[in-house]
Amino acid sequence: MVDKRRRVVVEIREDLHRELRKLALLNDLRIYEVANAVLEDCLGDEERVRGLVRRLKVS
């Protein structure tokens, strides 16, 4: 069972953070909820995630 209270720090580029704040109209203390929802939505599509990982690998 996953402990949903446990938090991990993830770095987000400043420009993406700014866009997310603008779209969500939230302050920094609540932005993690939107970021988690975006990640959950993306992770629901395993094929898309695998494609992103392949594309981002640098040789």
Protein backbone atom coordinates (compact mmCIF):
# COMPACT_ATOMS: atom_id res chain seq x y z
CA MET A 1 0.00 0.00 0.00
CA VAL A 2 1.33 3.42 -0.97
CA ASP A 3 1.53 6.09 1.73
CA LYS A 4 0.02 9.13 -0.01
CA ARG A 5 1.18 11.40 2.81
CA ARG A 6 4.83 10.78 1.96
CA ARG A 7 6.36 13.59 -0.12
CA VAL A 8 9.34 13.67 -2.45
CA VAL A 9 10.90 16.85 -3.79
CA VAL A 10 10.93 17.13 -7.58
CA GLU A 11 12.63 19.97 -9.42
CA ILE A 12 10.48 21.77 -11.97
CA ARG A 13 11.84 24.26 -14.46
CA GLU A 14 10.98 27.83 -13.57
CA ASP A 15 9.10 28.47 -16.82
CA LEU A 16 6.90 25.37 -16.33
CA HIS A 17 6.25 26.31 -12.71
CA ARG A 18 5.18 29.79 -13.78
CA GLU A 19 2.82 28.42 -16.45
CA LEU A 20 1.30 25.94 -14.03
CA ARG A 21 0.74 28.64 -11.43
CA LYS A 22 -0.90 30.84 -14.05
CA LEU A 23 -3.21 28.09 -15.29
CA ALA A 24 -4.12 26.82 -11.84
CA LEU A 25 -4.39 30.26 -10.22
CA LEU A 26 -2.82 28.80 -7.08
CA ASN A 27 -0.05 29.87 -4.77
CA ASP A 28 3.15 27.86 -4.28
CA LEU A 29 1.81 26.09 -1.20
CA ARG A 30 -1.00 24.43 -3.21
CA ILE A 31 0.79 23.91 -6.52
CA TYR A 32 1.84 20.39 -5.52
CA GLU A 33 -1.77 19.22 -5.76
CA VAL A 34 -1.99 20.29 -9.41
CA ALA A 35 1.45 18.84 -10.19
CA ASN A 36 0.43 15.51 -8.64
CA ALA A 37 -2.80 15.45 -10.65
CA VAL A 38 -0.90 16.16 -13.89
CA LEU A 39 1.58 13.38 -13.12
CA GLU A 40 -1.19 10.92 -12.21
CA ASP A 41 -2.99 11.71 -15.46
CA CYS A 42 0.16 11.23 -17.51
CA LEU A 43 1.19 8.05 -15.69
CA GLY A 44 -2.19 6.55 -16.51
CA ASP A 45 -0.98 6.21 -20.12
CA GLU A 46 1.91 3.76 -19.80
CA GLU A 47 2.71 3.81 -23.52
CA ARG A 48 3.00 7.60 -23.49
CA VAL A 49 5.34 7.52 -20.46
CA ARG A 50 7.55 4.86 -22.07
CA GLY A 51 7.72 6.98 -25.23
CA LEU A 52 8.75 10.03 -23.25
CA VAL A 53 11.45 8.08 -21.43
CA ARG A 54 12.84 6.74 -24.72
CA ARG A 55 12.80 10.19 -26.27
CA LEU A 56 14.56 11.82 -23.31
CA LYS A 57 17.41 9.31 -23.06
CA VAL A 58 20.65 10.99 -24.03
CA SER A 59 23.46 8.82 -25.42
